[in-house]
Amino acid sequence: MSDGSTGTAAERRPLGRSGLRLSPVGLGTWAWGSRYLWGYGSSYDRGDLEAAWRASIDAGVNWVDTAEVYGSGESERIIGGLLRGTREEVLVATKFFPLRLTPWAARRAAERSARRLGVGAVDLYQVHWPNPMHPIGATMRAMERLVREGKVRHVGVSNFGPARLRAAMEAMSREEVVSDQVHYNLLQRKPERTGLVELARREGVAIIAYSPLAQGVLTDKYGPGMPRPGGMRRFERKFARGRLECVRPLVQELRAIGQAQGRTTSQVALAWLLKDPNVLTIPGAKNGEQAALNALAARTAVPEEALGRIERALGECQ
């Protein structure tokens, strides 16, 4: 197994203290295989996802993130098919949803994920959410055993705040928590306010930002008077007319910053996160065009003088 390098000159960032180096922009696949939430099979299909996969690799992306619950396992199955012939180019991260409280739950879940993905070992295996009904120490020790057994290479967590991240790190005896995947974007700054971003930087834990474009709010697709998104998203508060109007000055500012560089609004929103070298992002892509544009965010700059303009445009909309 290689370190996932594609041989391109694309930037690589450390995944915590794992020794792996990842492209700043990964390929997020929450929408892959999800018919009811995202409209898979109607507004986009397997051919679109294959194009997104190839465009990502061609652009220097060297990792993909998924989870056992995405599309009830269909996301992992789709990725498993696409990995054939590209395994040496692409590192795989997936997630375990810790609802099951038996000692062997993590092992069985990891084995099922590996079968769907068609891999011998998962590169990054993450606890998807903390379960307050199950001691974090027991969960992390189970994850650590998976490393010793060769089923996974590295352990991460997801949706863990500072206290839970510390507890997870302290529960490990031989391995390290190399990442914390959290909801983080210009409109969701909780990881900064709670001190998680600083803690992760200090402890050598990479932050993986999911929903970095706020499910499309931080793009030019869903402004006031424009079509609303399909699926379950149309019921979410972030897509309410008043909320979109509040965000509009920020989107306009991002657009202006991008136009000065020949970049898109989305690329600037992603680049704002990537200004922190300890942050990785996993924007979703449902076709080749989206994937190629997302990857270019790693080569997009947010000038220092523009940071203040972005903060002022945010106003009360955080």
Protein backbone atom coordinates (compact mmCIF):
# COMPACT_ATOMS: atom_id res chain seq x y z
CA MET A 1 0.00 0.00 0.00
CA SER A 2 1.38 3.40 -0.97
CA ASP A 3 0.84 6.63 0.92
CA GLY A 4 -1.85 7.61 -1.56
CA SER A 5 0.27 9.97 -3.64
CA THR A 6 -0.86 10.35 -7.23
CA GLY A 7 2.53 11.51 -8.40
CA THR A 8 1.24 15.03 -9.07
CA ALA A 9 2.67 18.25 -7.73
CA ALA A 10 -0.48 18.81 -5.66
CA GLU A 11 -0.10 19.93 -2.05
CA ARG A 12 -0.20 17.26 0.64
CA ARG A 13 -0.99 17.84 4.32
CA PRO A 14 -0.30 15.53 7.27
CA LEU A 15 -3.19 13.56 8.69
CA GLY A 16 -2.30 14.27 12.30
CA ARG A 17 0.63 12.12 13.37
CA SER A 18 -0.35 9.17 11.15
CA GLY A 19 2.46 9.64 8.66
CA LEU A 20 -0.12 9.83 5.85
CA ARG A 21 -0.22 12.93 3.69
CA LEU A 22 -3.52 13.91 2.13
CA SER A 23 -4.65 16.42 -0.45
CA PRO A 24 -6.21 19.45 1.32
CA VAL A 25 -9.48 18.71 -0.47
CA GLY A 26 -10.82 15.18 -0.21
CA LEU A 27 -13.86 13.68 -1.89
CA GLY A 28 -16.95 13.71 0.34
CA THR A 29 -19.57 11.06 -0.47
CA TRP A 30 -22.45 11.65 1.93
CA ALA A 31 -24.77 11.97 -1.08
CA TRP A 32 -23.53 8.83 -2.85
CA GLY A 33 -26.23 6.20 -2.98
CA SER A 34 -28.69 8.23 -0.90
CA ARG A 35 -31.98 8.28 -2.77
CA TYR A 36 -34.28 9.97 -0.26
CA LEU A 37 -32.01 12.62 1.19
CA TRP A 38 -30.06 13.56 -1.93
CA GLY A 39 -31.98 12.16 -4.91
CA TYR A 40 -29.51 9.53 -6.10
CA GLY A 41 -30.90 7.74 -9.14
CA SER A 42 -33.02 10.69 -10.28
CA SER A 43 -31.00 13.92 -10.39
CA TYR A 44 -27.66 12.07 -10.68
CA ASP A 45 -26.58 8.47 -11.16
CA ARG A 46 -23.66 6.05 -11.06
CA GLY A 47 -22.19 7.52 -14.25
CA ASP A 48 -22.06 10.98 -12.64
CA LEU A 49 -20.29 9.56 -9.58
CA GLU A 50 -17.75 7.75 -11.74
CA ALA A 51 -17.01 11.07 -13.46
CA ALA A 52 -16.61 12.77 -10.06
CA TRP A 53 -14.21 10.03 -8.99
CA ARG A 54 -12.02 10.30 -12.07
CA ALA A 55 -12.05 14.10 -12.05
CA SER A 56 -10.96 14.11 -8.41
CA ILE A 57 -8.03 11.77 -9.01
CA ASP A 58 -6.99 13.66 -12.15
CA ALA A 59 -6.98 16.89 -10.09
CA GLY A 60 -4.68 15.41 -7.43
CA VAL A 61 -7.24 14.37 -4.80
CA ASN A 62 -5.90 11.27 -3.04
CA TRP A 63 -8.56 10.36 -0.48
CA VAL A 64 -12.26 9.71 -0.14
CA ASP A 65 -14.47 9.90 2.95
CA THR A 66 -17.59 7.84 3.50
CA ALA A 67 -19.50 6.09 6.31
CA GLU A 68 -21.41 2.89 6.91
CA VAL A 69 -24.68 4.85 7.20
CA TYR A 70 -24.36 6.80 3.93
CA GLY A 71 -27.03 5.37 1.67
CA SER A 72 -27.30 2.44 4.14
CA GLY A 73 -23.93 1.17 2.93
CA GLU A 74 -24.45 1.99 -0.75
CA SER A 75 -21.84 4.78 -0.66
CA GLU A 76 -19.22 2.27 0.45
CA ARG A 77 -20.33 -0.23 -2.19
CA ILE A 78 -20.07 2.37 -4.96
CA ILE A 79 -16.61 3.38 -3.77
CA GLY A 80 -15.61 -0.28 -3.61
CA GLY A 81 -16.38 -0.66 -7.30
CA LEU A 82 -14.48 2.49 -8.21
CA LEU A 83 -11.46 1.53 -6.11
CA ARG A 84 -10.69 -1.39 -8.39
CA GLY A 85 -7.60 -0.34 -10.29
CA THR A 86 -7.11 2.84 -8.26
CA ARG A 87 -6.49 1.50 -4.73
CA GLU A 88 -2.84 2.56 -4.79
CA GLU A 89 -3.90 6.10 -5.69
CA VAL A 90 -6.69 6.64 -3.17
CA LEU A 91 -6.77 6.44 0.62
CA VAL A 92 -10.09 5.50 2.18
CA ALA A 93 -11.71 6.95 5.30
CA THR A 94 -14.99 5.59 6.63
CA LYS A 95 -16.96 5.81 9.86
CA PHE A 96 -18.52 3.52 12.44
CA PHE A 97 -21.84 4.56 14.02
CA PRO A 98 -21.55 3.40 17.66
CA LEU A 99 -25.16 2.53 18.43
CA ARG A 100 -24.36 -1.11 19.15
CA LEU A 101 -23.00 -1.60 22.66
CA THR A 102 -21.48 -5.08 22.42
CA PRO A 103 -17.70 -5.49 22.72
CA TRP A 104 -17.45 -6.75 19.15
CA ALA A 105 -19.59 -4.11 17.47
CA ALA A 106 -16.70 -2.06 16.09
CA ARG A 107 -14.99 -5.16 14.72
CA ARG A 108 -18.09 -6.40 12.92
CA ALA A 109 -18.80 -2.95 11.53
CA ALA A 110 -15.21 -2.57 10.30
CA GLU A 111 -15.32 -5.97 8.63
CA ARG A 112 -18.58 -5.15 6.87
CA SER A 113 -17.25 -1.79 5.71
CA ALA A 114 -14.06 -3.41 4.42
CA ARG A 115 -16.10 -5.96 2.45
CA ARG A 116 -18.26 -3.27 0.88
CA LEU A 117 -15.17 -1.22 0.04
CA GLY A 118 -13.25 -4.24 -1.19
CA VAL A 119 -10.17 -3.41 0.89
CA GLY A 120 -8.03 -5.44 3.25
CA ALA A 121 -7.71 -2.58 5.73
CA VAL A 122 -9.39 0.81 6.11
CA ASP A 123 -6.86 3.64 6.07
CA LEU A 124 -8.77 5.87 8.51
CA TYR A 125 -11.57 4.45 10.65
CA GLN A 126 -13.58 7.04 12.58
CA VAL A 127 -16.12 6.93 15.40
CA HIS A 128 -18.98 8.76 13.67
CA TRP A 129 -20.64 10.25 16.77
CA PRO A 130 -19.97 10.02 20.50
CA ASN A 131 -22.47 7.75 22.28
CA PRO A 132 -23.17 9.05 25.81
CA MET A 133 -24.61 5.62 26.73
CA HIS A 134 -21.32 3.85 26.02
CA PRO A 135 -18.01 4.72 27.74
CA ILE A 136 -15.66 6.41 25.31
CA GLY A 137 -12.76 4.45 26.75
CA ALA A 138 -14.31 1.13 25.73
CA THR A 139 -15.03 2.42 22.23
CA MET A 140 -11.51 3.72 21.70
CA ARG A 141 -9.90 0.56 23.04
CA ALA A 142 -12.01 -1.42 20.56
CA MET A 143 -10.79 0.87 17.77
CA GLU A 144 -7.22 0.40 18.93
CA ARG A 145 -7.62 -3.39 18.77
CA LEU A 146 -8.67 -3.05 15.15
CA VAL A 147 -5.30 -1.45 14.40
CA ARG A 148 -3.45 -4.25 16.15
CA GLU A 149 -5.46 -6.81 14.19
CA GLY A 150 -4.62 -5.10 10.90
CA LYS A 151 -8.23 -4.26 10.04
CA VAL A 152 -7.64 -0.50 10.11
CA ARG A 153 -4.49 1.60 9.80
CA HIS A 154 -5.37 4.72 11.78
CA VAL A 155 -8.13 5.87 14.15
CA GLY A 156 -10.08 9.10 14.08
CA VAL A 157 -13.25 10.52 15.62
CA SER A 158 -16.08 12.66 14.32
CA ASN A 159 -18.35 15.23 15.98
CA PHE A 160 -16.22 15.21 19.13
CA GLY A 161 -15.88 18.48 21.06
CA PRO A 162 -12.75 19.36 23.06
CA ALA A 163 -13.64 17.36 26.19
CA ARG A 164 -14.57 14.23 24.30
CA LEU A 165 -11.53 14.53 22.05
CA ARG A 166 -9.27 14.70 25.13
CA ALA A 167 -11.04 11.68 26.62
CA ALA A 168 -10.65 9.73 23.38
CA MET A 169 -6.93 10.54 23.20
CA GLU A 170 -6.39 9.57 26.84
CA ALA A 171 -8.16 6.23 26.32
CA MET A 172 -5.63 5.12 23.69
CA SER A 173 -2.59 3.29 25.02
CA ARG A 174 -0.56 2.58 21.88
CA GLU A 175 -2.25 4.32 18.96
CA GLU A 176 -3.18 7.96 18.48
CA VAL A 177 -6.33 9.76 17.47
CA VAL A 178 -5.17 11.34 14.22
CA SER A 179 -8.25 13.34 13.24
CA ASP A 180 -11.56 14.84 14.32
CA GLN A 181 -14.16 15.30 11.58
CA VAL A 182 -16.53 18.12 12.48
CA HIS A 183 -19.16 20.43 11.00
CA TYR A 184 -17.08 23.48 10.14
CA ASN A 185 -17.55 26.29 7.62
CA LEU A 186 -17.91 30.06 7.48
CA LEU A 187 -21.41 29.83 8.92
CA GLN A 188 -20.59 27.14 11.48
CA ARG A 189 -17.72 28.38 13.64
CA LYS A 190 -18.40 26.31 16.76
CA PRO A 191 -15.07 24.40 16.44
CA GLU A 192 -13.30 27.75 16.86
CA ARG A 193 -15.49 29.06 19.68
CA THR A 194 -15.12 25.91 21.79
CA GLY A 195 -11.34 25.82 21.41
CA LEU A 196 -11.43 22.57 19.42
CA VAL A 197 -9.42 23.98 16.51
CA GLU A 198 -6.66 25.20 18.82
CA LEU A 199 -6.64 21.98 20.87
CA ALA A 200 -6.36 19.86 17.72
CA ARG A 201 -3.51 21.97 16.39
CA ARG A 202 -1.65 21.75 19.70
CA GLU A 203 -2.13 17.97 20.00
CA GLY A 204 -1.33 17.10 16.40
CA VAL A 205 -4.87 16.06 15.49
CA ALA A 206 -6.07 17.03 12.02
CA ILE A 207 -9.43 18.76 11.67
CA ILE A 208 -11.53 17.37 8.81
CA ALA A 209 -14.26 19.89 7.93
CA TYR A 210 -17.49 18.35 6.68
CA SER A 211 -20.29 20.36 5.03
CA PRO A 212 -17.63 23.00 4.25
CA LEU A 213 -20.04 24.73 1.84
CA ALA A 214 -23.02 24.52 4.23
CA GLN A 215 -24.71 22.05 1.85
CA GLY A 216 -24.63 24.63 -0.92
CA VAL A 217 -25.57 27.79 1.00
CA LEU A 218 -22.02 29.13 0.47
CA THR A 219 -22.34 28.89 -3.30
CA ASP A 220 -24.21 30.85 -5.95
CA LYS A 221 -26.84 28.12 -6.34
CA TYR A 222 -29.44 28.98 -3.69
CA GLY A 223 -29.82 32.73 -3.36
CA PRO A 224 -33.11 34.57 -2.81
CA GLY A 225 -35.45 34.04 -5.74
CA MET A 226 -33.47 31.00 -6.98
CA PRO A 227 -34.73 27.39 -6.98
CA ARG A 228 -34.67 25.65 -3.62
CA PRO A 229 -32.74 22.40 -3.19
CA GLY A 230 -34.50 19.10 -3.54
CA GLY A 231 -34.77 16.22 -1.10
CA MET A 232 -34.89 16.75 2.65
CA ARG A 233 -32.71 19.86 2.41
CA ARG A 234 -35.66 21.99 1.30
CA PHE A 235 -37.06 21.69 4.84
CA GLU A 236 -33.88 22.84 6.59
CA ARG A 237 -33.69 26.23 8.27
CA LYS A 238 -30.53 27.19 6.40
CA PHE A 239 -32.51 27.29 3.15
CA ALA A 240 -35.32 29.47 4.49
CA ARG A 241 -35.77 32.69 2.55
CA GLY A 242 -34.81 34.91 5.48
CA ARG A 243 -31.68 32.93 6.17
CA LEU A 244 -30.56 33.06 2.53
CA GLU A 245 -31.12 36.82 2.50
CA CYS A 246 -28.99 37.15 5.64
CA VAL A 247 -26.16 35.21 4.02
CA ARG A 248 -26.38 37.04 0.71
CA PRO A 249 -23.79 39.79 1.54
CA LEU A 250 -21.28 37.08 2.48
CA VAL A 251 -21.86 35.14 -0.74
CA GLN A 252 -21.48 38.35 -2.74
CA GLU A 253 -18.17 39.07 -0.99
CA LEU A 254 -16.89 35.56 -1.66
CA ARG A 255 -17.90 35.94 -5.30
CA ALA A 256 -15.99 39.22 -5.63
CA ILE A 257 -12.86 37.74 -4.05
CA GLY A 258 -13.08 34.79 -6.41
CA GLN A 259 -13.65 36.84 -9.52
CA ALA A 260 -10.40 38.71 -8.87
CA GLN A 261 -8.57 35.37 -9.16
CA GLY A 262 -10.72 33.64 -11.74
CA ARG A 263 -12.14 31.39 -9.02
CA THR A 264 -15.66 30.51 -7.92
CA THR A 265 -17.55 31.47 -4.79
CA SER A 266 -17.32 27.89 -3.55
CA GLN A 267 -13.56 27.73 -4.05
CA VAL A 268 -13.08 30.84 -1.93
CA ALA A 269 -15.30 29.43 0.85
CA LEU A 270 -13.19 26.26 0.87
CA ALA A 271 -9.95 28.24 0.73
CA TRP A 272 -11.04 30.18 3.81
CA LEU A 273 -11.00 26.91 5.76
CA LEU A 274 -7.75 25.75 4.16
CA LYS A 275 -5.87 28.86 5.29
CA ASP A 276 -5.29 26.79 8.46
CA PRO A 277 -2.70 24.14 7.52
CA ASN A 278 -4.16 21.72 10.09
CA VAL A 279 -7.53 21.64 8.30
CA LEU A 280 -8.66 19.25 5.57
CA THR A 281 -12.00 19.53 3.77
CA ILE A 282 -14.41 17.03 2.23
CA PRO A 283 -16.87 18.88 -0.01
CA GLY A 284 -19.39 16.66 -1.68
CA ALA A 285 -19.33 16.12 -5.42
CA LYS A 286 -22.04 14.48 -7.51
CA ASN A 287 -20.47 14.97 -10.94
CA GLY A 288 -17.13 15.57 -12.58
CA GLU A 289 -17.49 19.33 -12.88
CA GLN A 290 -18.17 19.78 -9.15
CA ALA A 291 -15.26 17.51 -8.24
CA ALA A 292 -12.78 19.33 -10.48
CA LEU A 293 -13.85 22.74 -9.18
CA ASN A 294 -13.65 21.60 -5.55
CA ALA A 295 -10.10 20.33 -6.02
CA LEU A 296 -8.97 23.72 -7.34
CA ALA A 297 -9.81 25.27 -3.97
CA ALA A 298 -6.44 24.00 -2.76
CA ARG A 299 -4.84 26.43 -5.20
CA THR A 300 -7.09 29.35 -4.29
CA ALA A 301 -5.91 32.14 -2.02
CA VAL A 302 -7.84 34.34 0.37
CA PRO A 303 -5.81 37.59 0.56
CA GLU A 304 -5.12 38.85 4.06
CA GLU A 305 -6.98 42.07 3.38
CA ALA A 306 -10.06 40.08 2.34
CA LEU A 307 -10.40 38.31 5.69
CA GLY A 308 -11.78 41.41 7.39
CA ARG A 309 -14.24 41.95 4.57
CA ILE A 310 -15.48 38.39 4.96
CA GLU A 311 -15.99 38.82 8.70
CA ARG A 312 -17.90 42.07 8.21
CA ALA A 313 -20.09 40.48 5.55
CA LEU A 314 -20.91 37.64 7.92
CA GLY A 315 -22.60 40.09 10.27
CA GLU A 316 -25.07 38.25 12.49
CA CYS A 317 -25.43 35.24 10.20
CA GLN A 318 -22.99 32.88 11.91
